Amino acid sequence: MFRKLQVVAATCALAVGLTAAAQAAAGSDSRQPAAGTDRELAVVGLPGASFERSIETHTLRVRYRELTTAARKLDVGLEHNLLSEAVASRPELESAIEDLEPMIEKARQRELEFGSVAGVSQSTLDAIAACESGGDPTAVNAAGYYGKYQFDTGTWAAVGGSGNPAEASEAEQDYRAALLYSRAGASPWPVCGQ
C-alpha cells in the first residue's frame, strides 16, 4: 500500500511540476496559478489516511462485486444479502464479504463433490431443511425419516443415495434433495415445501 501511495504522490507532484513549467514557458506571472493548478495542489494536499481509506473501500467494492457474481453463478441465495455499493460503508462491505465467503465456499465444495443441479436455489433447500429437521443433517425421526431433508430410504435410493441418509455428508444430502426437487418440485415435502 505504501508503494502505491508513493507512485500516486510522485504522479501528482509531476502534474504540479508540469503545470508550473507550462506557466514559465508561456511567460505567465509565476504568482498567478494557471487554470487547473489549484486542482492539482488539492490532490497533492489530500490527507494520506483519507486517500488510503478511499483505496481500501474501492478494493472492498471490487471484492464484493466478485463475490456476488460468483454467488449468482453458484445459485447461492442472495436476495436478502445484496448491498447497494454506491452507499455501502466499509464496515457494511466487510460484513457482507464475511457473510458471502463461507456461503460461496460451501456451494463450491458441493459443486466439486456432486456437481450442480440447475433450477433449485440453495435458499429454497435451506428453507425446506429448516422446517423438516431444523437444518440438522443427522436428524432421525422414529417414523422412518432421516437427515436434513427427512428422506425415507426408498426416496433416498430413488435419487441415487445408498445407506442411511442421516449418515451421508451434508453436501450429499443437499445434492440429493436438489435432484428430488428438480424432478418432483416441492411435493415430496407437503408441509415444508410450501
N, C-alpha and C. Protein backbone atom coordinates (compact mmCIF):
# COMPACT_ATOMS: atom_id res chain seq x y z
N MET A 1 0.84 -1.18 0.00
CA MET A 1 0.00 0.00 0.00
C MET A 1 0.88 1.24 0.00
N PHE A 2 1.99 1.22 0.78
CA PHE A 2 2.88 2.36 0.85
C PHE A 2 3.48 2.65 -0.52
N ARG A 3 3.81 1.59 -1.27
CA ARG A 3 4.38 1.76 -2.61
C ARG A 3 3.37 2.44 -3.54
N LYS A 4 2.09 2.05 -3.45
CA LYS A 4 1.07 2.68 -4.28
C LYS A 4 0.96 4.17 -3.97
N LEU A 5 1.00 4.51 -2.67
CA LEU A 5 0.90 5.91 -2.28
C LEU A 5 2.09 6.70 -2.81
N GLN A 6 3.29 6.10 -2.80
CA GLN A 6 4.47 6.78 -3.34
C GLN A 6 4.28 7.08 -4.82
N VAL A 7 3.76 6.11 -5.57
CA VAL A 7 3.56 6.29 -7.01
C VAL A 7 2.54 7.39 -7.26
N VAL A 8 1.44 7.39 -6.50
CA VAL A 8 0.41 8.41 -6.69
C VAL A 8 0.95 9.78 -6.32
N ALA A 9 1.69 9.89 -5.22
CA ALA A 9 2.27 11.17 -4.82
C ALA A 9 3.24 11.67 -5.88
N ALA A 10 4.05 10.78 -6.43
CA ALA A 10 5.00 11.17 -7.47
C ALA A 10 4.26 11.65 -8.72
N THR A 11 3.17 10.98 -9.07
CA THR A 11 2.37 11.39 -10.24
C THR A 11 1.76 12.77 -10.02
N CYS A 12 1.23 13.01 -8.83
CA CYS A 12 0.65 14.32 -8.52
C CYS A 12 1.71 15.40 -8.54
N ALA A 13 2.88 15.11 -7.96
CA ALA A 13 3.97 16.08 -7.95
C ALA A 13 4.41 16.39 -9.38
N LEU A 14 4.44 15.39 -10.23
CA LEU A 14 4.80 15.59 -11.63
C LEU A 14 3.77 16.49 -12.31
N ALA A 15 2.48 16.29 -12.03
CA ALA A 15 1.44 17.13 -12.63
C ALA A 15 1.60 18.58 -12.21
N VAL A 16 1.91 18.82 -10.93
CA VAL A 16 2.12 20.18 -10.45
C VAL A 16 3.35 20.77 -11.11
N GLY A 17 4.41 19.99 -11.21
CA GLY A 17 5.65 20.45 -11.85
C GLY A 17 5.43 20.79 -13.30
N LEU A 18 4.71 19.97 -14.02
CA LEU A 18 4.43 20.23 -15.44
C LEU A 18 3.60 21.49 -15.61
N THR A 19 2.64 21.71 -14.72
CA THR A 19 1.83 22.92 -14.79
C THR A 19 2.70 24.15 -14.58
N ALA A 20 3.59 24.09 -13.60
CA ALA A 20 4.49 25.22 -13.34
C ALA A 20 5.42 25.45 -14.53
N ALA A 21 5.91 24.39 -15.14
CA ALA A 21 6.79 24.51 -16.30
C ALA A 21 6.04 25.13 -17.47
N ALA A 22 4.79 24.75 -17.67
CA ALA A 22 3.99 25.30 -18.75
C ALA A 22 3.75 26.79 -18.54
N GLN A 23 3.55 27.18 -17.28
CA GLN A 23 3.38 28.60 -16.98
C GLN A 23 4.66 29.38 -17.29
N ALA A 24 5.78 28.85 -16.89
CA ALA A 24 7.06 29.52 -17.12
C ALA A 24 7.32 29.65 -18.62
N ALA A 25 7.03 28.59 -19.36
CA ALA A 25 7.26 28.62 -20.81
C ALA A 25 6.36 29.64 -21.48
N ALA A 26 5.17 29.80 -20.97
CA ALA A 26 4.23 30.76 -21.55
C ALA A 26 4.52 32.18 -21.11
N GLY A 27 5.45 32.34 -20.17
CA GLY A 27 5.82 33.66 -19.70
C GLY A 27 4.80 34.26 -18.76
N SER A 28 3.97 33.45 -18.16
CA SER A 28 2.96 33.98 -17.26
C SER A 28 3.58 34.35 -15.92
N ASP A 29 2.89 35.17 -15.19
CA ASP A 29 3.36 35.59 -13.88
C ASP A 29 3.34 34.37 -12.96
N SER A 30 4.47 34.06 -12.35
CA SER A 30 4.58 32.85 -11.53
C SER A 30 3.74 32.94 -10.26
N ARG A 31 3.29 34.15 -9.91
CA ARG A 31 2.46 34.28 -8.71
C ARG A 31 1.00 33.97 -9.02
N GLN A 32 0.60 33.96 -10.28
CA GLN A 32 -0.78 33.67 -10.67
C GLN A 32 -0.87 32.21 -11.13
N PRO A 33 -1.62 31.36 -10.42
CA PRO A 33 -1.74 29.97 -10.86
C PRO A 33 -2.51 29.86 -12.16
N ALA A 34 -2.07 28.97 -13.00
CA ALA A 34 -2.77 28.70 -14.25
C ALA A 34 -4.05 27.93 -13.94
N ALA A 35 -4.96 27.92 -14.89
CA ALA A 35 -6.22 27.19 -14.71
C ALA A 35 -5.93 25.72 -14.45
N GLY A 36 -6.55 25.17 -13.43
CA GLY A 36 -6.37 23.76 -13.10
C GLY A 36 -5.28 23.50 -12.08
N THR A 37 -4.39 24.48 -11.83
CA THR A 37 -3.29 24.26 -10.90
C THR A 37 -3.79 24.01 -9.49
N ASP A 38 -4.79 24.78 -9.07
CA ASP A 38 -5.30 24.58 -7.71
C ASP A 38 -5.90 23.19 -7.54
N ARG A 39 -6.42 22.60 -8.62
CA ARG A 39 -6.93 21.24 -8.56
C ARG A 39 -5.79 20.26 -8.27
N GLU A 40 -4.67 20.42 -9.01
CA GLU A 40 -3.53 19.53 -8.77
C GLU A 40 -3.01 19.69 -7.34
N LEU A 41 -2.96 20.95 -6.85
CA LEU A 41 -2.50 21.19 -5.49
C LEU A 41 -3.45 20.55 -4.48
N ALA A 42 -4.76 20.61 -4.76
CA ALA A 42 -5.72 20.00 -3.85
C ALA A 42 -5.54 18.49 -3.79
N VAL A 43 -5.23 17.87 -4.94
CA VAL A 43 -5.00 16.42 -4.95
C VAL A 43 -3.76 16.08 -4.14
N VAL A 44 -2.70 16.88 -4.33
CA VAL A 44 -1.46 16.63 -3.59
C VAL A 44 -1.70 16.82 -2.11
N GLY A 45 -2.59 17.78 -1.77
CA GLY A 45 -2.85 18.07 -0.37
C GLY A 45 -3.83 17.11 0.29
N LEU A 46 -4.37 16.15 -0.45
CA LEU A 46 -5.32 15.19 0.12
C LEU A 46 -4.65 14.41 1.24
N PRO A 47 -5.22 14.40 2.43
CA PRO A 47 -4.59 13.67 3.54
C PRO A 47 -4.37 12.20 3.19
N GLY A 48 -3.21 11.67 3.54
CA GLY A 48 -2.84 10.29 3.20
C GLY A 48 -3.83 9.28 3.74
N ALA A 49 -4.29 9.47 4.98
CA ALA A 49 -5.19 8.49 5.59
C ALA A 49 -6.52 8.45 4.83
N SER A 50 -7.01 9.62 4.42
CA SER A 50 -8.27 9.68 3.67
C SER A 50 -8.12 8.99 2.32
N PHE A 51 -7.00 9.24 1.65
CA PHE A 51 -6.74 8.62 0.36
C PHE A 51 -6.65 7.10 0.51
N GLU A 52 -5.95 6.66 1.55
CA GLU A 52 -5.79 5.22 1.78
C GLU A 52 -7.14 4.56 2.07
N ARG A 53 -8.01 5.21 2.86
CA ARG A 53 -9.35 4.66 3.14
C ARG A 53 -10.16 4.55 1.85
N SER A 54 -10.00 5.56 0.98
CA SER A 54 -10.71 5.54 -0.29
C SER A 54 -10.27 4.35 -1.14
N ILE A 55 -8.97 4.10 -1.19
CA ILE A 55 -8.43 2.95 -1.95
C ILE A 55 -8.94 1.64 -1.35
N GLU A 56 -8.92 1.53 -0.01
CA GLU A 56 -9.37 0.30 0.65
C GLU A 56 -10.85 0.05 0.40
N THR A 57 -11.67 1.12 0.44
CA THR A 57 -13.10 0.96 0.18
C THR A 57 -13.34 0.52 -1.26
N HIS A 58 -12.58 1.10 -2.19
CA HIS A 58 -12.69 0.68 -3.59
C HIS A 58 -12.34 -0.81 -3.73
N THR A 59 -11.28 -1.24 -3.06
CA THR A 59 -10.85 -2.64 -3.10
C THR A 59 -11.95 -3.55 -2.55
N LEU A 60 -12.60 -3.11 -1.45
CA LEU A 60 -13.70 -3.90 -0.88
C LEU A 60 -14.88 -3.98 -1.86
N ARG A 61 -15.17 -2.87 -2.56
CA ARG A 61 -16.27 -2.89 -3.52
C ARG A 61 -15.99 -3.86 -4.66
N VAL A 62 -14.73 -3.88 -5.12
CA VAL A 62 -14.35 -4.80 -6.19
C VAL A 62 -14.51 -6.24 -5.70
N ARG A 63 -14.04 -6.52 -4.49
CA ARG A 63 -14.15 -7.88 -3.92
C ARG A 63 -15.62 -8.27 -3.75
N TYR A 64 -16.44 -7.34 -3.27
CA TYR A 64 -17.87 -7.62 -3.09
C TYR A 64 -18.52 -7.94 -4.42
N ARG A 65 -18.17 -7.17 -5.46
CA ARG A 65 -18.70 -7.42 -6.81
C ARG A 65 -18.31 -8.82 -7.28
N GLU A 66 -17.04 -9.20 -7.07
CA GLU A 66 -16.58 -10.54 -7.48
C GLU A 66 -17.37 -11.63 -6.76
N LEU A 67 -17.58 -11.43 -5.45
CA LEU A 67 -18.29 -12.45 -4.66
C LEU A 67 -19.76 -12.56 -5.07
N THR A 68 -20.42 -11.43 -5.32
CA THR A 68 -21.83 -11.52 -5.72
C THR A 68 -21.97 -12.17 -7.09
N THR A 69 -21.00 -11.93 -7.98
CA THR A 69 -21.02 -12.58 -9.29
C THR A 69 -20.85 -14.09 -9.12
N ALA A 70 -19.89 -14.50 -8.29
CA ALA A 70 -19.66 -15.93 -8.03
C ALA A 70 -20.89 -16.55 -7.38
N ALA A 71 -21.51 -15.83 -6.44
CA ALA A 71 -22.68 -16.36 -5.75
C ALA A 71 -23.85 -16.58 -6.71
N ARG A 72 -24.03 -15.67 -7.65
CA ARG A 72 -25.10 -15.85 -8.64
C ARG A 72 -24.83 -17.07 -9.51
N LYS A 73 -23.57 -17.26 -9.91
CA LYS A 73 -23.23 -18.41 -10.75
C LYS A 73 -23.44 -19.72 -10.00
N LEU A 74 -23.19 -19.71 -8.69
CA LEU A 74 -23.33 -20.92 -7.89
C LEU A 74 -24.74 -21.07 -7.32
N ASP A 75 -25.63 -20.13 -7.66
CA ASP A 75 -27.02 -20.15 -7.21
C ASP A 75 -27.11 -20.09 -5.68
N VAL A 76 -26.26 -19.25 -5.08
CA VAL A 76 -26.34 -19.02 -3.64
C VAL A 76 -27.41 -17.95 -3.44
N GLY A 77 -28.35 -18.18 -2.53
CA GLY A 77 -29.44 -17.21 -2.32
C GLY A 77 -28.92 -15.87 -1.85
N LEU A 78 -29.10 -14.83 -2.64
CA LEU A 78 -28.58 -13.50 -2.32
C LEU A 78 -29.67 -12.48 -2.05
N GLU A 79 -30.91 -12.84 -2.20
CA GLU A 79 -31.99 -11.86 -2.16
C GLU A 79 -31.88 -10.92 -0.97
N HIS A 80 -31.57 -11.45 0.20
CA HIS A 80 -31.53 -10.63 1.40
C HIS A 80 -30.13 -10.10 1.70
N ASN A 81 -29.13 -10.45 0.90
CA ASN A 81 -27.75 -10.06 1.20
C ASN A 81 -27.20 -8.93 0.35
N LEU A 82 -27.87 -8.59 -0.75
CA LEU A 82 -27.30 -7.60 -1.66
C LEU A 82 -27.29 -6.21 -1.05
N LEU A 83 -26.15 -5.53 -1.22
CA LEU A 83 -25.99 -4.16 -0.77
C LEU A 83 -25.88 -3.24 -1.97
N SER A 84 -26.27 -2.00 -1.80
CA SER A 84 -26.01 -1.01 -2.84
C SER A 84 -24.59 -0.51 -2.61
N GLU A 85 -23.69 -0.82 -3.54
CA GLU A 85 -22.30 -0.42 -3.38
C GLU A 85 -22.15 1.09 -3.31
N ALA A 86 -23.06 1.80 -3.95
CA ALA A 86 -22.95 3.25 -4.01
C ALA A 86 -23.04 3.88 -2.62
N VAL A 87 -23.81 3.26 -1.72
CA VAL A 87 -23.98 3.84 -0.39
C VAL A 87 -23.37 2.99 0.71
N ALA A 88 -22.85 1.83 0.38
CA ALA A 88 -22.31 0.93 1.42
C ALA A 88 -21.03 1.50 2.01
N SER A 89 -20.96 1.46 3.32
CA SER A 89 -19.76 1.90 4.02
C SER A 89 -18.77 0.74 4.12
N ARG A 90 -17.56 1.05 4.52
CA ARG A 90 -16.55 0.00 4.67
C ARG A 90 -17.02 -1.10 5.62
N PRO A 91 -17.55 -0.76 6.82
CA PRO A 91 -18.00 -1.84 7.72
C PRO A 91 -19.09 -2.71 7.11
N GLU A 92 -20.03 -2.09 6.36
CA GLU A 92 -21.09 -2.87 5.73
C GLU A 92 -20.52 -3.81 4.68
N LEU A 93 -19.57 -3.30 3.88
CA LEU A 93 -18.95 -4.14 2.85
C LEU A 93 -18.17 -5.28 3.49
N GLU A 94 -17.39 -4.97 4.54
CA GLU A 94 -16.61 -6.01 5.21
C GLU A 94 -17.52 -7.09 5.78
N SER A 95 -18.63 -6.68 6.39
CA SER A 95 -19.57 -7.64 6.96
C SER A 95 -20.21 -8.50 5.87
N ALA A 96 -20.61 -7.86 4.76
CA ALA A 96 -21.23 -8.61 3.65
C ALA A 96 -20.25 -9.61 3.06
N ILE A 97 -18.99 -9.21 2.93
CA ILE A 97 -17.96 -10.11 2.39
C ILE A 97 -17.75 -11.29 3.33
N GLU A 98 -17.71 -11.01 4.64
CA GLU A 98 -17.54 -12.10 5.62
C GLU A 98 -18.70 -13.08 5.56
N ASP A 99 -19.91 -12.58 5.29
CA ASP A 99 -21.08 -13.46 5.18
C ASP A 99 -21.05 -14.28 3.89
N LEU A 100 -20.65 -13.63 2.79
CA LEU A 100 -20.69 -14.29 1.49
C LEU A 100 -19.62 -15.36 1.32
N GLU A 101 -18.42 -15.10 1.82
CA GLU A 101 -17.31 -16.04 1.57
C GLU A 101 -17.61 -17.47 2.01
N PRO A 102 -18.12 -17.70 3.24
CA PRO A 102 -18.41 -19.11 3.60
C PRO A 102 -19.56 -19.72 2.80
N MET A 103 -20.55 -18.90 2.44
CA MET A 103 -21.66 -19.42 1.63
C MET A 103 -21.17 -19.87 0.27
N ILE A 104 -20.29 -19.08 -0.32
CA ILE A 104 -19.75 -19.41 -1.63
C ILE A 104 -18.85 -20.64 -1.55
N GLU A 105 -18.04 -20.70 -0.51
CA GLU A 105 -17.15 -21.86 -0.36
C GLU A 105 -17.96 -23.14 -0.19
N LYS A 106 -19.03 -23.07 0.58
CA LYS A 106 -19.89 -24.25 0.77
C LYS A 106 -20.50 -24.68 -0.57
N ALA A 107 -20.97 -23.70 -1.35
CA ALA A 107 -21.57 -24.01 -2.66
C ALA A 107 -20.53 -24.59 -3.61
N ARG A 108 -19.31 -24.07 -3.57
CA ARG A 108 -18.24 -24.59 -4.44
C ARG A 108 -17.87 -26.02 -4.05
N GLN A 109 -17.80 -26.29 -2.76
CA GLN A 109 -17.49 -27.65 -2.31
C GLN A 109 -18.56 -28.63 -2.76
N ARG A 110 -19.81 -28.22 -2.62
CA ARG A 110 -20.92 -29.08 -3.03
C ARG A 110 -20.85 -29.33 -4.54
N GLU A 111 -20.53 -28.26 -5.29
CA GLU A 111 -20.44 -28.40 -6.75
C GLU A 111 -19.28 -29.30 -7.14
N LEU A 112 -18.14 -29.16 -6.46
CA LEU A 112 -16.99 -30.01 -6.75
C LEU A 112 -17.28 -31.46 -6.43
N GLU A 113 -17.95 -31.67 -5.30
CA GLU A 113 -18.19 -33.03 -4.84
C GLU A 113 -19.30 -33.73 -5.63
N PHE A 114 -20.36 -32.99 -5.94
CA PHE A 114 -21.53 -33.65 -6.54
C PHE A 114 -22.01 -33.03 -7.84
N GLY A 115 -21.44 -31.92 -8.26
CA GLY A 115 -21.95 -31.23 -9.45
C GLY A 115 -23.15 -30.38 -9.06
N SER A 116 -23.53 -29.48 -9.93
CA SER A 116 -24.64 -28.59 -9.59
C SER A 116 -25.94 -29.11 -10.19
N VAL A 117 -27.03 -28.76 -9.57
CA VAL A 117 -28.34 -29.11 -10.06
C VAL A 117 -29.04 -27.81 -10.42
N ALA A 118 -29.30 -27.63 -11.70
CA ALA A 118 -29.88 -26.37 -12.16
C ALA A 118 -31.34 -26.24 -11.73
N GLY A 119 -31.74 -25.00 -11.51
CA GLY A 119 -33.14 -24.72 -11.25
C GLY A 119 -33.58 -24.82 -9.81
N VAL A 120 -32.71 -25.15 -8.89
CA VAL A 120 -33.07 -25.25 -7.48
C VAL A 120 -32.12 -24.37 -6.69
N SER A 121 -32.66 -23.35 -6.05
CA SER A 121 -31.78 -22.46 -5.28
C SER A 121 -31.49 -23.05 -3.91
N GLN A 122 -30.32 -22.74 -3.40
CA GLN A 122 -29.94 -23.22 -2.07
C GLN A 122 -30.86 -22.62 -1.01
N SER A 123 -31.33 -21.41 -1.24
CA SER A 123 -32.22 -20.80 -0.24
C SER A 123 -33.54 -21.58 -0.13
N THR A 124 -34.03 -22.12 -1.25
CA THR A 124 -35.24 -22.95 -1.23
C THR A 124 -34.99 -24.23 -0.43
N LEU A 125 -33.85 -24.86 -0.72
CA LEU A 125 -33.50 -26.09 0.01
C LEU A 125 -33.29 -25.81 1.50
N ASP A 126 -32.64 -24.69 1.81
CA ASP A 126 -32.39 -24.35 3.22
C ASP A 126 -33.71 -24.15 3.97
N ALA A 127 -34.69 -23.54 3.30
CA ALA A 127 -35.99 -23.33 3.95
C ALA A 127 -36.68 -24.67 4.23
N ILE A 128 -36.61 -25.60 3.28
CA ILE A 128 -37.20 -26.93 3.48
C ILE A 128 -36.50 -27.65 4.63
N ALA A 129 -35.17 -27.62 4.62
CA ALA A 129 -34.40 -28.30 5.67
C ALA A 129 -34.67 -27.70 7.04
N ALA A 130 -34.77 -26.38 7.11
CA ALA A 130 -35.04 -25.73 8.41
C ALA A 130 -36.38 -26.19 8.96
N CYS A 131 -37.36 -26.35 8.10
CA CYS A 131 -38.69 -26.79 8.51
C CYS A 131 -38.71 -28.28 8.87
N GLU A 132 -38.05 -29.09 8.04
CA GLU A 132 -38.07 -30.55 8.23
C GLU A 132 -37.28 -31.01 9.46
N SER A 133 -36.07 -30.46 9.63
CA SER A 133 -35.18 -31.01 10.67
C SER A 133 -34.45 -29.94 11.48
N GLY A 134 -34.82 -28.68 11.25
CA GLY A 134 -34.05 -27.62 11.90
C GLY A 134 -32.68 -27.48 11.24
N GLY A 135 -32.54 -28.05 10.04
CA GLY A 135 -31.26 -27.98 9.31
C GLY A 135 -30.22 -28.98 9.80
N ASP A 136 -30.64 -29.96 10.59
CA ASP A 136 -29.71 -30.94 11.16
C ASP A 136 -29.54 -32.13 10.22
N PRO A 137 -28.32 -32.31 9.64
CA PRO A 137 -28.11 -33.42 8.72
C PRO A 137 -28.14 -34.80 9.40
N THR A 138 -28.05 -34.84 10.73
CA THR A 138 -28.05 -36.12 11.44
C THR A 138 -29.41 -36.45 12.06
N ALA A 139 -30.43 -35.66 11.78
CA ALA A 139 -31.75 -35.85 12.39
C ALA A 139 -32.35 -37.20 12.00
N VAL A 140 -32.98 -37.84 12.97
CA VAL A 140 -33.66 -39.12 12.75
C VAL A 140 -35.06 -39.03 13.37
N ASN A 141 -36.06 -39.39 12.58
CA ASN A 141 -37.44 -39.39 13.04
C ASN A 141 -37.84 -40.85 13.22
N ALA A 142 -38.48 -41.15 14.33
CA ALA A 142 -38.88 -42.53 14.64
C ALA A 142 -39.81 -43.13 13.58
N ALA A 143 -40.46 -42.28 12.80
CA ALA A 143 -41.39 -42.76 11.76
C ALA A 143 -40.65 -43.24 10.52
N GLY A 144 -39.31 -43.14 10.50
CA GLY A 144 -38.52 -43.66 9.38
C GLY A 144 -38.05 -42.60 8.40
N TYR A 145 -37.84 -41.38 8.89
CA TYR A 145 -37.33 -40.30 8.05
C TYR A 145 -35.99 -39.84 8.60
N TYR A 146 -35.05 -39.54 7.66
CA TYR A 146 -33.67 -39.34 8.08
C TYR A 146 -33.03 -38.10 7.44
N GLY A 147 -32.15 -37.49 8.19
CA GLY A 147 -31.30 -36.44 7.67
C GLY A 147 -31.95 -35.07 7.61
N LYS A 148 -31.22 -34.18 6.99
CA LYS A 148 -31.58 -32.77 6.90
C LYS A 148 -32.94 -32.56 6.22
N TYR A 149 -33.25 -33.40 5.21
CA TYR A 149 -34.49 -33.25 4.44
C TYR A 149 -35.52 -34.32 4.77
N GLN A 150 -35.22 -35.13 5.79
CA GLN A 150 -36.12 -36.18 6.25
C GLN A 150 -36.55 -37.11 5.12
N PHE A 151 -35.54 -37.68 4.45
CA PHE A 151 -35.78 -38.68 3.40
C PHE A 151 -36.22 -39.98 4.04
N ASP A 152 -37.10 -40.70 3.36
CA ASP A 152 -37.27 -42.11 3.72
C ASP A 152 -36.27 -42.88 2.85
N THR A 153 -35.97 -44.11 3.19
CA THR A 153 -34.90 -44.83 2.47
C THR A 153 -35.25 -45.09 1.01
N GLY A 154 -36.53 -45.28 0.69
CA GLY A 154 -36.93 -45.51 -0.70
C GLY A 154 -36.70 -44.28 -1.57
N THR A 155 -37.07 -43.12 -1.07
CA THR A 155 -36.88 -41.88 -1.83
C THR A 155 -35.40 -41.58 -1.98
N TRP A 156 -34.66 -41.82 -0.90
CA TRP A 156 -33.20 -41.61 -0.92
C TRP A 156 -32.56 -42.47 -2.02
N ALA A 157 -32.95 -43.73 -2.09
CA ALA A 157 -32.41 -44.64 -3.11
C ALA A 157 -32.84 -44.20 -4.51
N ALA A 158 -34.04 -43.65 -4.64
CA ALA A 158 -34.55 -43.23 -5.95
C ALA A 158 -33.74 -42.08 -6.55
N VAL A 159 -33.08 -41.31 -5.69
CA VAL A 159 -32.24 -40.21 -6.20
C VAL A 159 -30.75 -40.55 -6.12
N GLY A 160 -30.47 -41.87 -6.02
CA GLY A 160 -29.07 -42.32 -6.10
C GLY A 160 -28.34 -42.47 -4.79
N GLY A 161 -29.04 -42.26 -3.68
CA GLY A 161 -28.38 -42.41 -2.38
C GLY A 161 -28.30 -43.86 -1.94
N SER A 162 -27.35 -44.14 -1.07
CA SER A 162 -27.28 -45.51 -0.50
C SER A 162 -27.06 -45.40 0.99
N GLY A 163 -27.53 -46.40 1.71
CA GLY A 163 -27.40 -46.39 3.16
C GLY A 163 -28.39 -45.45 3.80
N ASN A 164 -28.07 -45.03 5.01
CA ASN A 164 -28.92 -44.15 5.80
C ASN A 164 -28.65 -42.69 5.41
N PRO A 165 -29.66 -41.94 5.00
CA PRO A 165 -29.44 -40.54 4.61
C PRO A 165 -28.80 -39.70 5.71
N ALA A 166 -29.11 -39.99 6.96
CA ALA A 166 -28.57 -39.22 8.08
C ALA A 166 -27.08 -39.46 8.27
N GLU A 167 -26.54 -40.49 7.64
CA GLU A 167 -25.10 -40.77 7.74
C GLU A 167 -24.32 -40.22 6.55
N ALA A 168 -25.02 -39.70 5.56
CA ALA A 168 -24.36 -39.10 4.38
C ALA A 168 -23.90 -37.69 4.75
N SER A 169 -22.94 -37.19 3.99
CA SER A 169 -22.45 -35.82 4.23
C SER A 169 -23.58 -34.83 3.96
N GLU A 170 -23.47 -33.67 4.56
CA GLU A 170 -24.48 -32.63 4.33
C GLU A 170 -24.51 -32.23 2.86
N ALA A 171 -23.34 -32.16 2.24
CA ALA A 171 -23.28 -31.80 0.81
C ALA A 171 -24.03 -32.81 -0.04
N GLU A 172 -23.88 -34.11 0.30
CA GLU A 172 -24.61 -35.13 -0.48
C GLU A 172 -26.11 -35.00 -0.24
N GLN A 173 -26.52 -34.74 0.98
CA GLN A 173 -27.95 -34.57 1.27
C GLN A 173 -28.51 -33.38 0.49
N ASP A 174 -27.75 -32.27 0.43
CA ASP A 174 -28.19 -31.10 -0.34
C ASP A 174 -28.34 -31.47 -1.82
N TYR A 175 -27.36 -32.19 -2.33
CA TYR A 175 -27.37 -32.56 -3.74
C TYR A 175 -28.58 -33.47 -4.06
N ARG A 176 -28.79 -34.47 -3.23
CA ARG A 176 -29.90 -35.41 -3.50
C ARG A 176 -31.26 -34.73 -3.32
N ALA A 177 -31.36 -33.80 -2.37
CA ALA A 177 -32.61 -33.04 -2.21
C ALA A 177 -32.84 -32.16 -3.44
N ALA A 178 -31.77 -31.57 -3.96
CA ALA A 178 -31.89 -30.75 -5.18
C ALA A 178 -32.34 -31.60 -6.36
N LEU A 179 -31.80 -32.82 -6.47
CA LEU A 179 -32.24 -33.73 -7.53
C LEU A 179 -33.72 -34.04 -7.40
N LEU A 180 -34.13 -34.35 -6.19
CA LEU A 180 -35.53 -34.68 -5.96
C LEU A 180 -36.42 -33.49 -6.28
N TYR A 181 -36.00 -32.30 -5.86
CA TYR A 181 -36.78 -31.10 -6.12
C TYR A 181 -36.86 -30.82 -7.62
N SER A 182 -35.76 -31.04 -8.33
CA SER A 182 -35.77 -30.78 -9.77
C SER A 182 -36.68 -31.76 -10.51
N ARG A 183 -36.91 -32.95 -9.94
CA ARG A 183 -37.78 -33.95 -10.57
C ARG A 183 -39.24 -33.79 -10.17
N ALA A 184 -39.46 -33.47 -8.88
CA ALA A 184 -40.84 -33.51 -8.37
C ALA A 184 -41.32 -32.21 -7.74
N GLY A 185 -40.49 -31.18 -7.78
CA GLY A 185 -40.88 -29.92 -7.15
C GLY A 185 -40.98 -30.07 -5.64
N ALA A 186 -41.86 -29.31 -5.03
CA ALA A 186 -41.99 -29.31 -3.57
C ALA A 186 -42.88 -30.44 -3.04
N SER A 187 -43.49 -31.21 -3.93
CA SER A 187 -44.46 -32.23 -3.49
C SER A 187 -43.90 -33.28 -2.52
N PRO A 188 -42.61 -33.67 -2.58
CA PRO A 188 -42.13 -34.62 -1.59
C PRO A 188 -42.13 -34.07 -0.15
N TRP A 189 -42.26 -32.76 -0.03
CA TRP A 189 -42.30 -32.11 1.28
C TRP A 189 -43.64 -31.37 1.38
N PRO A 190 -44.74 -32.09 1.59
CA PRO A 190 -46.07 -31.48 1.50
C PRO A 190 -46.29 -30.31 2.48
N VAL A 191 -45.66 -30.36 3.63
CA VAL A 191 -45.84 -29.27 4.60
C VAL A 191 -44.73 -28.24 4.44
N CYS A 192 -43.48 -28.70 4.46
CA CYS A 192 -42.33 -27.79 4.46
C CYS A 192 -41.97 -27.24 3.07
N GLY A 193 -42.50 -27.84 2.02
CA GLY A 193 -42.20 -27.38 0.68
C GLY A 193 -43.06 -26.21 0.23
N GLN A 194 -44.04 -25.84 1.06
CA GLN A 194 -44.96 -24.76 0.66
C GLN A 194 -44.37 -23.40 0.90
